[in-house]
């Protein structure tokens, strides 16, 4: 069995780039045993700030499949 963690990263408005350095986020999660599964980027809409969502998974310890 696996557990999942989701990390939302907002994209800067009116400029190119993201507000956080996702390379460090991925490294931090990996050092805790998480594996990057997907980077989700929903379509841009006129409402709300654009964002990416990093999806991580790791196997639950002491749990038989």
N, C-alpha and C. Protein backbone atom coordinates (compact mmCIF):
# COMPACT_ATOMS: atom_id res chain seq x y z
N UNK A 1 0.83 -1.17 0.00
CA UNK A 1 0.00 0.00 0.00
C UNK A 1 0.89 1.25 0.00
N UNK A 2 0.38 2.30 -0.61
CA UNK A 2 1.13 3.54 -0.74
C UNK A 2 0.39 4.69 -0.08
N UNK A 3 1.16 5.71 0.30
CA UNK A 3 0.57 6.96 0.75
C UNK A 3 1.01 8.04 -0.23
N UNK A 4 0.21 9.09 -0.32
CA UNK A 4 0.46 10.15 -1.29
C UNK A 4 0.53 11.51 -0.61
N UNK A 5 1.31 12.39 -1.21
CA UNK A 5 1.44 13.76 -0.72
C UNK A 5 1.35 14.68 -1.93
N UNK A 6 0.65 15.78 -1.76
CA UNK A 6 0.43 16.74 -2.83
C UNK A 6 1.01 18.08 -2.43
N UNK A 7 1.78 18.70 -3.32
CA UNK A 7 2.41 19.99 -3.02
C UNK A 7 2.08 20.97 -4.14
N UNK A 8 1.30 21.99 -3.82
CA UNK A 8 0.90 22.99 -4.81
C UNK A 8 1.97 24.07 -4.89
N UNK A 9 2.33 24.45 -6.11
CA UNK A 9 3.31 25.50 -6.35
C UNK A 9 2.64 26.54 -7.25
N UNK A 10 2.51 27.75 -6.75
CA UNK A 10 1.89 28.81 -7.53
C UNK A 10 2.87 29.37 -8.56
N UNK A 11 2.32 29.73 -9.71
CA UNK A 11 3.10 30.34 -10.77
C UNK A 11 3.01 31.85 -10.61
N UNK A 12 4.11 32.53 -10.83
CA UNK A 12 4.12 33.99 -10.73
C UNK A 12 3.19 34.58 -11.78
N UNK A 13 2.42 35.55 -11.37
CA UNK A 13 1.56 36.25 -12.33
C UNK A 13 2.38 37.29 -13.08
N UNK A 14 2.09 37.43 -14.36
CA UNK A 14 2.67 38.46 -15.21
C UNK A 14 4.17 38.29 -15.47
N UNK A 15 4.79 37.26 -14.93
CA UNK A 15 6.19 37.00 -15.23
C UNK A 15 6.36 35.52 -15.51
N UNK A 16 7.50 35.15 -15.97
CA UNK A 16 7.78 33.75 -16.25
C UNK A 16 8.41 33.13 -15.01
N UNK A 17 7.97 31.94 -14.65
CA UNK A 17 8.59 31.22 -13.55
C UNK A 17 7.61 30.87 -12.45
N UNK A 18 8.11 30.19 -11.46
CA UNK A 18 7.30 29.79 -10.31
C UNK A 18 7.82 30.49 -9.08
N UNK A 19 6.97 30.56 -8.05
CA UNK A 19 7.35 31.27 -6.83
C UNK A 19 8.32 30.47 -5.97
N UNK A 20 8.32 29.14 -6.14
CA UNK A 20 9.20 28.29 -5.34
C UNK A 20 10.12 27.50 -6.27
N UNK A 21 11.27 27.12 -5.77
CA UNK A 21 12.20 26.31 -6.54
C UNK A 21 11.81 24.85 -6.38
N UNK A 22 11.12 24.31 -7.38
CA UNK A 22 10.62 22.95 -7.26
C UNK A 22 11.73 21.90 -7.26
N UNK A 23 12.92 22.24 -7.74
CA UNK A 23 14.03 21.29 -7.69
C UNK A 23 14.34 20.93 -6.23
N UNK A 24 14.38 21.94 -5.38
CA UNK A 24 14.66 21.69 -3.96
C UNK A 24 13.52 20.93 -3.29
N UNK A 25 12.30 21.23 -3.68
CA UNK A 25 11.15 20.52 -3.12
C UNK A 25 11.23 19.04 -3.45
N UNK A 26 11.55 18.73 -4.70
CA UNK A 26 11.65 17.32 -5.11
C UNK A 26 12.79 16.64 -4.37
N UNK A 27 13.94 17.31 -4.23
CA UNK A 27 15.07 16.74 -3.48
C UNK A 27 14.70 16.49 -2.02
N UNK A 28 14.00 17.45 -1.41
CA UNK A 28 13.59 17.29 -0.01
C UNK A 28 12.66 16.10 0.17
N UNK A 29 11.67 15.98 -0.70
CA UNK A 29 10.75 14.85 -0.61
C UNK A 29 11.49 13.52 -0.85
N UNK A 30 12.38 13.50 -1.83
CA UNK A 30 13.13 12.27 -2.13
C UNK A 30 13.97 11.84 -0.94
N UNK A 31 14.55 12.78 -0.22
CA UNK A 31 15.37 12.43 0.94
C UNK A 31 14.52 11.84 2.07
N UNK A 32 13.21 12.04 2.00
CA UNK A 32 12.29 11.47 3.00
C UNK A 32 11.61 10.21 2.50
N UNK A 33 12.07 9.69 1.36
CA UNK A 33 11.55 8.44 0.84
C UNK A 33 10.39 8.57 -0.13
N UNK A 34 10.06 9.79 -0.52
CA UNK A 34 8.98 10.01 -1.47
C UNK A 34 9.51 9.90 -2.90
N UNK A 35 8.64 9.49 -3.81
CA UNK A 35 8.96 9.39 -5.23
C UNK A 35 8.01 10.31 -5.99
N UNK A 36 8.57 11.15 -6.89
CA UNK A 36 7.73 12.02 -7.70
C UNK A 36 6.95 11.17 -8.70
N UNK A 37 5.63 11.29 -8.67
CA UNK A 37 4.78 10.51 -9.56
C UNK A 37 4.36 11.34 -10.77
N UNK A 38 3.97 12.59 -10.51
CA UNK A 38 3.45 13.41 -11.60
C UNK A 38 3.50 14.89 -11.23
N UNK A 39 3.64 15.71 -12.24
CA UNK A 39 3.45 17.15 -12.08
C UNK A 39 2.18 17.49 -12.84
N UNK A 40 1.16 17.92 -12.08
CA UNK A 40 -0.15 18.23 -12.63
C UNK A 40 -0.24 19.73 -12.88
N UNK A 41 -0.62 20.11 -14.08
CA UNK A 41 -0.77 21.53 -14.44
C UNK A 41 -2.16 21.70 -15.03
N UNK A 42 -3.12 22.16 -14.23
CA UNK A 42 -4.47 22.33 -14.75
C UNK A 42 -4.52 23.43 -15.80
N UNK A 43 -5.53 23.41 -16.67
CA UNK A 43 -5.62 24.46 -17.69
C UNK A 43 -5.79 25.83 -17.05
N UNK A 44 -5.25 26.83 -17.69
CA UNK A 44 -5.38 28.19 -17.19
C UNK A 44 -6.80 28.68 -17.40
N UNK A 45 -7.32 29.35 -16.40
CA UNK A 45 -8.66 29.94 -16.48
C UNK A 45 -8.56 31.39 -16.03
N UNK A 46 -9.58 32.13 -16.29
CA UNK A 46 -9.52 33.55 -15.95
C UNK A 46 -9.59 33.81 -14.45
N UNK A 47 -10.08 32.87 -13.67
CA UNK A 47 -10.18 33.05 -12.23
C UNK A 47 -9.12 32.22 -11.52
N UNK A 48 -8.60 32.75 -10.45
CA UNK A 48 -7.62 32.02 -9.67
C UNK A 48 -6.22 32.11 -10.23
N UNK A 49 -5.27 31.90 -9.36
CA UNK A 49 -3.86 31.95 -9.77
C UNK A 49 -3.46 30.62 -10.38
N UNK A 50 -2.67 30.66 -11.45
CA UNK A 50 -2.19 29.41 -12.05
C UNK A 50 -1.24 28.70 -11.09
N UNK A 51 -1.21 27.37 -11.16
CA UNK A 51 -0.35 26.60 -10.28
C UNK A 51 0.00 25.25 -10.90
N UNK A 52 1.02 24.65 -10.33
CA UNK A 52 1.39 23.26 -10.61
C UNK A 52 1.19 22.49 -9.32
N UNK A 53 0.90 21.22 -9.44
CA UNK A 53 0.82 20.40 -8.24
C UNK A 53 1.75 19.20 -8.41
N UNK A 54 2.67 19.06 -7.48
CA UNK A 54 3.59 17.93 -7.49
C UNK A 54 2.93 16.81 -6.70
N UNK A 55 2.93 15.61 -7.26
CA UNK A 55 2.31 14.46 -6.60
C UNK A 55 3.40 13.44 -6.30
N UNK A 56 3.51 13.09 -5.02
CA UNK A 56 4.53 12.16 -4.55
C UNK A 56 3.86 10.93 -3.95
N UNK A 57 4.59 9.81 -3.98
CA UNK A 57 4.11 8.60 -3.30
C UNK A 57 5.28 7.92 -2.61
N UNK A 58 4.94 7.16 -1.58
CA UNK A 58 5.92 6.28 -0.95
C UNK A 58 5.18 5.10 -0.35
N UNK A 59 5.90 4.02 -0.28
CA UNK A 59 5.33 2.80 0.25
C UNK A 59 5.19 2.92 1.77
N UNK A 60 4.05 2.49 2.27
CA UNK A 60 3.84 2.50 3.71
C UNK A 60 4.70 1.42 4.34
N UNK A 61 5.38 1.78 5.41
CA UNK A 61 6.20 0.80 6.12
C UNK A 61 5.31 -0.09 6.97
N UNK A 62 5.74 -1.33 7.16
CA UNK A 62 5.02 -2.31 7.99
C UNK A 62 3.62 -2.55 7.48
N UNK A 63 3.45 -2.56 6.19
CA UNK A 63 2.15 -2.84 5.63
C UNK A 63 2.32 -3.84 4.51
N UNK A 64 1.65 -4.98 4.63
CA UNK A 64 1.72 -6.01 3.60
C UNK A 64 0.71 -5.69 2.50
N UNK A 65 1.12 -5.92 1.28
CA UNK A 65 0.21 -5.68 0.16
C UNK A 65 -0.65 -6.89 -0.06
